[in-house]
Amino acid sequence: MRSSLDEFRKEVQSVVLELISTQGYATVSRIRDAMCAKAESVTHRRIERVLPGILARHGLLKMTSNKTMKERLCIAGAGYGKVILPRNGSYC
């Protein structure tokens, strides 16, 4: 069972790093959308459980977006969700 958790963590990690390298940021909903193409049972809660280790390991921050951040990162959509950014990124 531990190996399936490690495998899931590695998949989430690769998706997070890929989104950050291409878009400059990641959100849990985009991570989930990308993961659903690979696996069937990907939930917001499963992703949230493995994120703290990934964030710490790669020097990433999870912040609540605001109007300025959404405009700067060109994030569309209603509301101000959580955004994952590099700690030494241009926004922070």
N, C-alpha and C. Protein backbone atom coordinates (compact mmCIF):
# COMPACT_ATOMS: atom_id res chain seq x y z
N MET A 1 0.82 -1.19 0.00
CA MET A 1 0.00 0.00 0.00
C MET A 1 0.86 1.25 0.00
N ARG A 2 1.96 1.18 0.69
CA ARG A 2 2.85 2.34 0.75
C ARG A 2 3.39 2.68 -0.64
N SER A 3 3.62 1.68 -1.45
CA SER A 3 4.16 1.95 -2.78
C SER A 3 3.15 2.70 -3.66
N SER A 4 1.85 2.40 -3.47
CA SER A 4 0.85 3.13 -4.27
C SER A 4 0.79 4.60 -3.86
N LEU A 5 0.97 4.88 -2.56
CA LEU A 5 1.00 6.27 -2.10
C LEU A 5 2.23 6.99 -2.67
N ASP A 6 3.37 6.32 -2.64
CA ASP A 6 4.59 6.92 -3.20
C ASP A 6 4.45 7.15 -4.70
N GLU A 7 3.82 6.20 -5.38
CA GLU A 7 3.61 6.34 -6.81
C GLU A 7 2.70 7.53 -7.11
N PHE A 8 1.63 7.65 -6.33
CA PHE A 8 0.70 8.78 -6.50
C PHE A 8 1.41 10.10 -6.23
N ARG A 9 2.23 10.14 -5.17
CA ARG A 9 2.98 11.36 -4.83
C ARG A 9 3.91 11.75 -5.97
N LYS A 10 4.57 10.78 -6.57
CA LYS A 10 5.48 11.07 -7.69
C LYS A 10 4.71 11.60 -8.90
N GLU A 11 3.52 11.06 -9.15
CA GLU A 11 2.71 11.54 -10.26
C GLU A 11 2.26 12.98 -10.03
N VAL A 12 1.80 13.27 -8.82
CA VAL A 12 1.38 14.63 -8.49
C VAL A 12 2.57 15.58 -8.60
N GLN A 13 3.71 15.15 -8.11
CA GLN A 13 4.92 15.98 -8.16
C GLN A 13 5.28 16.30 -9.60
N SER A 14 5.23 15.32 -10.48
CA SER A 14 5.60 15.59 -11.87
C SER A 14 4.60 16.54 -12.53
N VAL A 15 3.32 16.41 -12.21
CA VAL A 15 2.30 17.31 -12.78
C VAL A 15 2.51 18.73 -12.26
N VAL A 16 2.76 18.87 -10.95
CA VAL A 16 2.98 20.20 -10.36
C VAL A 16 4.18 20.88 -11.01
N LEU A 17 5.28 20.16 -11.11
CA LEU A 17 6.50 20.75 -11.68
C LEU A 17 6.31 21.08 -13.16
N GLU A 18 5.57 20.25 -13.88
CA GLU A 18 5.31 20.52 -15.29
C GLU A 18 4.45 21.77 -15.46
N LEU A 19 3.39 21.90 -14.63
CA LEU A 19 2.54 23.09 -14.71
C LEU A 19 3.31 24.36 -14.37
N ILE A 20 4.15 24.28 -13.35
CA ILE A 20 4.92 25.46 -12.96
C ILE A 20 5.94 25.83 -14.03
N SER A 21 6.55 24.84 -14.66
CA SER A 21 7.54 25.16 -15.69
C SER A 21 6.89 25.74 -16.95
N THR A 22 5.65 25.32 -17.25
CA THR A 22 5.00 25.83 -18.47
C THR A 22 4.19 27.09 -18.22
N GLN A 23 3.47 27.16 -17.07
CA GLN A 23 2.57 28.29 -16.82
C GLN A 23 3.10 29.26 -15.79
N GLY A 24 4.06 28.83 -14.97
CA GLY A 24 4.55 29.68 -13.91
C GLY A 24 3.82 29.51 -12.61
N TYR A 25 2.74 28.74 -12.61
CA TYR A 25 1.95 28.48 -11.42
C TYR A 25 1.17 27.19 -11.61
N ALA A 26 0.58 26.70 -10.53
CA ALA A 26 -0.31 25.54 -10.59
C ALA A 26 -1.44 25.76 -9.60
N THR A 27 -2.58 25.15 -9.86
CA THR A 27 -3.69 25.14 -8.92
C THR A 27 -4.10 23.69 -8.71
N VAL A 28 -4.75 23.41 -7.58
CA VAL A 28 -5.16 22.05 -7.30
C VAL A 28 -6.16 21.56 -8.34
N SER A 29 -7.02 22.44 -8.81
CA SER A 29 -7.99 22.01 -9.83
C SER A 29 -7.30 21.65 -11.15
N ARG A 30 -6.28 22.39 -11.52
CA ARG A 30 -5.54 22.04 -12.75
C ARG A 30 -4.73 20.76 -12.56
N ILE A 31 -4.20 20.56 -11.35
CA ILE A 31 -3.49 19.32 -11.07
C ILE A 31 -4.46 18.15 -11.19
N ARG A 32 -5.65 18.30 -10.60
CA ARG A 32 -6.65 17.24 -10.64
C ARG A 32 -7.08 16.95 -12.08
N ASP A 33 -7.27 18.00 -12.88
CA ASP A 33 -7.66 17.81 -14.28
C ASP A 33 -6.59 17.04 -15.05
N ALA A 34 -5.33 17.39 -14.81
CA ALA A 34 -4.23 16.69 -15.49
C ALA A 34 -4.11 15.25 -15.01
N MET A 35 -4.36 15.01 -13.74
CA MET A 35 -4.25 13.67 -13.18
C MET A 35 -5.41 12.79 -13.62
N CYS A 36 -6.59 13.35 -13.84
CA CYS A 36 -7.75 12.56 -14.24
C CYS A 36 -7.55 11.89 -15.59
N ALA A 37 -6.72 12.47 -16.41
CA ALA A 37 -6.41 11.85 -17.69
C ALA A 37 -5.59 10.58 -17.49
N LYS A 38 -4.84 10.50 -16.37
CA LYS A 38 -3.98 9.35 -16.10
C LYS A 38 -4.65 8.31 -15.21
N ALA A 39 -5.47 8.74 -14.27
CA ALA A 39 -6.08 7.82 -13.32
C ALA A 39 -7.54 8.18 -13.09
N GLU A 40 -8.29 7.24 -12.58
CA GLU A 40 -9.72 7.48 -12.38
C GLU A 40 -10.03 8.12 -11.03
N SER A 41 -9.41 7.66 -9.97
CA SER A 41 -9.80 8.09 -8.62
C SER A 41 -8.86 9.15 -8.07
N VAL A 42 -8.90 10.31 -8.67
CA VAL A 42 -8.09 11.43 -8.20
C VAL A 42 -9.04 12.46 -7.61
N THR A 43 -8.89 12.71 -6.32
CA THR A 43 -9.77 13.67 -5.67
C THR A 43 -8.95 14.83 -5.13
N HIS A 44 -9.65 15.91 -4.88
CA HIS A 44 -9.03 17.10 -4.31
C HIS A 44 -8.33 16.74 -2.99
N ARG A 45 -8.99 15.94 -2.17
CA ARG A 45 -8.44 15.57 -0.87
C ARG A 45 -7.16 14.76 -0.99
N ARG A 46 -7.10 13.83 -1.91
CA ARG A 46 -5.88 13.02 -2.09
C ARG A 46 -4.71 13.92 -2.49
N ILE A 47 -4.97 14.87 -3.37
CA ILE A 47 -3.91 15.78 -3.80
C ILE A 47 -3.47 16.65 -2.63
N GLU A 48 -4.42 17.18 -1.87
CA GLU A 48 -4.09 18.03 -0.72
C GLU A 48 -3.25 17.30 0.32
N ARG A 49 -3.42 16.00 0.45
CA ARG A 49 -2.65 15.23 1.43
C ARG A 49 -1.17 15.11 1.07
N VAL A 50 -0.86 15.05 -0.21
CA VAL A 50 0.53 14.88 -0.61
C VAL A 50 1.23 16.21 -0.93
N LEU A 51 0.47 17.29 -1.07
CA LEU A 51 1.07 18.58 -1.44
C LEU A 51 2.09 19.13 -0.44
N PRO A 52 1.87 19.09 0.88
CA PRO A 52 2.85 19.71 1.78
C PRO A 52 4.27 19.19 1.61
N GLY A 53 4.43 17.90 1.42
CA GLY A 53 5.77 17.34 1.20
C GLY A 53 6.38 17.80 -0.11
N ILE A 54 5.57 17.87 -1.14
CA ILE A 54 6.05 18.33 -2.45
C ILE A 54 6.45 19.80 -2.39
N LEU A 55 5.62 20.61 -1.73
CA LEU A 55 5.92 22.04 -1.61
C LEU A 55 7.22 22.26 -0.86
N ALA A 56 7.42 21.54 0.24
CA ALA A 56 8.64 21.70 1.04
C ALA A 56 9.87 21.21 0.27
N ARG A 57 9.74 20.10 -0.42
CA ARG A 57 10.87 19.50 -1.14
C ARG A 57 11.35 20.38 -2.28
N HIS A 58 10.45 21.10 -2.92
CA HIS A 58 10.81 21.87 -4.11
C HIS A 58 10.78 23.38 -3.90
N GLY A 59 10.63 23.84 -2.67
CA GLY A 59 10.65 25.27 -2.39
C GLY A 59 9.50 26.02 -3.03
N LEU A 60 8.30 25.47 -2.90
CA LEU A 60 7.12 26.09 -3.48
C LEU A 60 6.24 26.67 -2.39
N LEU A 61 5.43 27.65 -2.74
CA LEU A 61 4.49 28.27 -1.82
C LEU A 61 3.07 28.06 -2.31
N LYS A 62 2.15 27.86 -1.39
CA LYS A 62 0.74 27.79 -1.72
C LYS A 62 0.08 29.02 -1.12
N MET A 63 -0.44 29.89 -1.98
CA MET A 63 -1.00 31.16 -1.53
C MET A 63 -2.42 31.31 -2.07
N THR A 64 -3.20 32.11 -1.37
CA THR A 64 -4.51 32.48 -1.88
C THR A 64 -4.34 33.63 -2.87
N SER A 65 -4.91 33.47 -4.04
CA SER A 65 -4.74 34.50 -5.06
C SER A 65 -5.59 35.72 -4.72
N ASN A 66 -5.19 36.83 -5.29
CA ASN A 66 -5.97 38.07 -5.18
C ASN A 66 -6.09 38.66 -6.59
N LYS A 67 -6.74 39.78 -6.70
CA LYS A 67 -6.98 40.37 -8.01
C LYS A 67 -5.69 40.66 -8.75
N THR A 68 -4.72 41.25 -8.05
CA THR A 68 -3.44 41.59 -8.68
C THR A 68 -2.71 40.35 -9.17
N MET A 69 -2.69 39.31 -8.35
CA MET A 69 -2.00 38.07 -8.72
C MET A 69 -2.68 37.43 -9.93
N LYS A 70 -4.00 37.41 -9.95
CA LYS A 70 -4.72 36.82 -11.07
C LYS A 70 -4.45 37.59 -12.36
N GLU A 71 -4.37 38.90 -12.28
CA GLU A 71 -4.08 39.70 -13.47
C GLU A 71 -2.65 39.46 -13.95
N ARG A 72 -1.71 39.42 -13.02
CA ARG A 72 -0.31 39.23 -13.39
C ARG A 72 -0.05 37.86 -13.99
N LEU A 73 -0.70 36.83 -13.44
CA LEU A 73 -0.50 35.47 -13.93
C LEU A 73 -1.50 35.07 -15.02
N CYS A 74 -2.40 35.98 -15.38
CA CYS A 74 -3.43 35.73 -16.41
C CYS A 74 -4.29 34.52 -16.05
N ILE A 75 -4.77 34.50 -14.82
CA ILE A 75 -5.64 33.43 -14.35
C ILE A 75 -7.08 33.86 -14.56
N ALA A 76 -7.82 33.09 -15.33
CA ALA A 76 -9.22 33.40 -15.58
C ALA A 76 -10.09 32.63 -14.59
N GLY A 77 -11.29 33.05 -14.44
CA GLY A 77 -12.22 32.33 -13.59
C GLY A 77 -12.67 33.17 -12.41
N ALA A 78 -13.78 32.74 -11.84
CA ALA A 78 -14.35 33.46 -10.71
C ALA A 78 -13.68 33.01 -9.42
N GLY A 79 -13.65 33.87 -8.45
CA GLY A 79 -13.12 33.52 -7.13
C GLY A 79 -11.62 33.67 -7.04
N TYR A 80 -11.15 33.49 -5.84
CA TYR A 80 -9.73 33.63 -5.55
C TYR A 80 -9.25 32.35 -4.89
N GLY A 81 -8.85 31.40 -5.70
CA GLY A 81 -8.42 30.10 -5.21
C GLY A 81 -6.97 30.08 -4.79
N LYS A 82 -6.52 28.94 -4.36
CA LYS A 82 -5.14 28.74 -3.96
C LYS A 82 -4.26 28.53 -5.20
N VAL A 83 -3.11 29.16 -5.18
CA VAL A 83 -2.16 29.08 -6.28
C VAL A 83 -0.83 28.59 -5.74
N ILE A 84 -0.17 27.69 -6.46
CA ILE A 84 1.14 27.18 -6.07
C ILE A 84 2.17 27.87 -6.95
N LEU A 85 3.13 28.52 -6.30
CA LEU A 85 4.15 29.30 -6.99
C LEU A 85 5.54 28.92 -6.50
N PRO A 86 6.57 29.13 -7.32
CA PRO A 86 7.93 28.95 -6.83
C PRO A 86 8.23 30.00 -5.75
N ARG A 87 8.97 29.60 -4.74
CA ARG A 87 9.29 30.52 -3.63
C ARG A 87 10.10 31.72 -4.14
N ASN A 88 10.97 31.50 -5.09
CA ASN A 88 11.79 32.59 -5.62
C ASN A 88 11.24 33.11 -6.94
N GLY A 89 9.93 32.96 -7.15
CA GLY A 89 9.31 33.36 -8.40
C GLY A 89 9.21 34.88 -8.53
N SER A 90 8.77 35.31 -9.69
CA SER A 90 8.71 36.74 -9.98
C SER A 90 7.57 37.42 -9.23
N TYR A 91 6.53 36.67 -8.84
CA TYR A 91 5.42 37.31 -8.16
C TYR A 91 5.72 37.55 -6.69
N CYS A 92 6.35 36.60 -6.03
CA CYS A 92 6.56 36.68 -4.57
C CYS A 92 7.55 37.75 -4.18
